[in-house]
Amino acid sequence: MELKKIKGLLGISENDISQDASLEFILDDVTETILNYCGLKELPVRVTNTAYRMAMDIYRYDRPGESIAPGAASS
């Protein structure tokens, strides 16, 4: 999985490096999750789009790297 591709899918400029650490973590996490779940040693090409969709969902809803959890209730 490529950092450049996930940035393009999320509408993040290639020149914007502010989210790179979080995006790299997400890509590694998604790859690890799929490999462990399926008992594989490498990511098959046929699940690449699914992996990118998973990464996009994590970025949009979990927001790793932010100090405040998304969707946290406020009083």
C-alpha atoms as a PDB file:
ATOM      1  CA  MET A   1       0.000   0.000   0.000  1.00  0.00           C
ATOM      2  CA  GLU A   2       1.254   3.434  -0.895  1.00  0.00           C
ATOM      3  CA  LEU A   3       1.188   6.668   1.082  1.00  0.00           C
ATOM      4  CA  LYS A   4       0.746   8.655  -2.153  1.00  0.00           C
ATOM      5  CA  LYS A   5      -2.366   6.693  -3.116  1.00  0.00           C
ATOM      6  CA  ILE A   6      -4.104   6.969   0.270  1.00  0.00           C
ATOM      7  CA  LYS A   7      -3.408  10.716   0.323  1.00  0.00           C
ATOM      8  CA  GLY A   8      -4.984  11.046  -3.120  1.00  0.00           C
ATOM      9  CA  LEU A   9      -8.035   9.033  -2.084  1.00  0.00           C
ATOM     10  CA  LEU A  10      -8.480  11.220   0.993  1.00  0.00           C
ATOM     11  CA  GLY A  11      -7.967  14.475  -0.923  1.00  0.00           C
ATOM     12  CA  ILE A  12      -4.736  15.321   0.906  1.00  0.00           C
ATOM     13  CA  SER A  13      -2.079  17.136  -1.108  1.00  0.00           C
ATOM     14  CA  GLU A  14       1.136  15.198  -1.743  1.00  0.00           C
ATOM     15  CA  ASN A  15       3.016  18.212  -0.362  1.00  0.00           C
ATOM     16  CA  ASP A  16       1.116  18.126   2.943  1.00  0.00           C
ATOM     17  CA  ILE A  17       3.250  15.951   5.194  1.00  0.00           C
ATOM     18  CA  SER A  18       1.422  16.799   8.428  1.00  0.00           C
ATOM     19  CA  GLN A  19      -0.581  13.547   8.360  1.00  0.00           C
ATOM     20  CA  ASP A  20       2.129  11.245   6.990  1.00  0.00           C
ATOM     21  CA  ALA A  21       2.990   9.561  10.310  1.00  0.00           C
ATOM     22  CA  SER A  22      -0.679   8.815  11.031  1.00  0.00           C
ATOM     23  CA  LEU A  23      -1.316   7.593   7.490  1.00  0.00           C
ATOM     24  CA  GLU A  24       1.738   5.324   7.533  1.00  0.00           C
ATOM     25  CA  PHE A  25       0.570   3.875  10.862  1.00  0.00           C
ATOM     26  CA  ILE A  26      -2.904   3.285   9.416  1.00  0.00           C
ATOM     27  CA  LEU A  27      -1.530   1.562   6.304  1.00  0.00           C
ATOM     28  CA  ASP A  28       0.700  -0.679   8.442  1.00  0.00           C
ATOM     29  CA  ASP A  29      -2.164  -1.426  10.830  1.00  0.00           C
ATOM     30  CA  VAL A  30      -4.593  -2.375   8.040  1.00  0.00           C
ATOM     31  CA  THR A  31      -2.003  -4.587   6.364  1.00  0.00           C
ATOM     32  CA  GLU A  32      -1.172  -6.293   9.665  1.00  0.00           C
ATOM     33  CA  THR A  33      -4.859  -6.787  10.472  1.00  0.00           C
ATOM     34  CA  ILE A  34      -5.623  -8.427   7.123  1.00  0.00           C
ATOM     35  CA  LEU A  35      -2.522 -10.624   7.214  1.00  0.00           C
ATOM     36  CA  ASN A  36      -3.195 -11.807  10.755  1.00  0.00           C
ATOM     37  CA  TYR A  37      -6.910 -12.381  10.192  1.00  0.00           C
ATOM     38  CA  CYS A  38      -6.357 -14.364   6.992  1.00  0.00           C
ATOM     39  CA  GLY A  39      -3.164 -16.113   8.100  1.00  0.00           C
ATOM     40  CA  LEU A  40      -1.183 -14.716   5.162  1.00  0.00           C
ATOM     41  CA  LYS A  41       2.430 -13.620   4.764  1.00  0.00           C
ATOM     42  CA  GLU A  42       1.794 -10.921   2.155  1.00  0.00           C
ATOM     43  CA  LEU A  43      -1.200  -8.883   1.028  1.00  0.00           C
ATOM     44  CA  PRO A  44      -2.846 -10.335  -2.101  1.00  0.00           C
ATOM     45  CA  VAL A  45      -3.513  -7.870  -4.926  1.00  0.00           C
ATOM     46  CA  ARG A  46      -7.196  -8.786  -4.927  1.00  0.00           C
ATOM     47  CA  VAL A  47      -7.726  -7.277  -1.450  1.00  0.00           C
ATOM     48  CA  THR A  48      -5.844  -4.030  -2.056  1.00  0.00           C
ATOM     49  CA  ASN A  49      -8.967  -1.927  -2.662  1.00  0.00           C
ATOM     50  CA  THR A  50     -10.570  -3.332   0.477  1.00  0.00           C
ATOM     51  CA  ALA A  51      -7.424  -2.457   2.421  1.00  0.00           C
ATOM     52  CA  TYR A  52      -7.526   1.139   1.135  1.00  0.00           C
ATOM     53  CA  ARG A  53     -11.215   1.379   2.093  1.00  0.00           C
ATOM     54  CA  MET A  54     -10.374   0.148   5.592  1.00  0.00           C
ATOM     55  CA  ALA A  55      -7.552   2.696   5.838  1.00  0.00           C
ATOM     56  CA  MET A  56      -9.846   5.518   4.705  1.00  0.00           C
ATOM     57  CA  ASP A  57     -12.441   4.552   7.326  1.00  0.00           C
ATOM     58  CA  ILE A  58      -9.831   4.471  10.082  1.00  0.00           C
ATOM     59  CA  TYR A  59      -8.511   7.875   9.028  1.00  0.00           C
ATOM     60  CA  ARG A  60     -11.972   9.437   8.884  1.00  0.00           C
ATOM     61  CA  TYR A  61     -13.479   7.914  12.021  1.00  0.00           C
ATOM     62  CA  ASP A  62     -10.679   6.943  14.412  1.00  0.00           C
ATOM     63  CA  ARG A  63      -8.301   9.841  13.652  1.00  0.00           C
ATOM     64  CA  PRO A  64      -5.077   8.336  15.033  1.00  0.00           C
ATOM     65  CA  GLY A  65      -2.594  10.998  16.051  1.00  0.00           C
ATOM     66  CA  GLU A  66      -5.197  13.388  17.432  1.00  0.00           C
ATOM     67  CA  SER A  67      -5.228  14.080  21.149  1.00  0.00           C
ATOM     68  CA  ILE A  68      -9.030  14.021  21.515  1.00  0.00           C
ATOM     69  CA  ALA A  69     -10.966  10.888  20.583  1.00  0.00           C
ATOM     70  CA  PRO A  70     -13.537  11.420  17.817  1.00  0.00           C
ATOM     71  CA  GLY A  71     -17.145  11.318  18.831  1.00  0.00           C
ATOM     72  CA  ALA A  72     -16.319  11.932  22.467  1.00  0.00           C
ATOM     73  CA  ALA A  73     -19.345  13.170  24.374  1.00  0.00           C
ATOM     74  CA  SER A  74     -19.200  16.658  25.787  1.00  0.00           C
ATOM     75  CA  SER A  75     -21.389  18.061  28.488  1.00  0.00           C
END
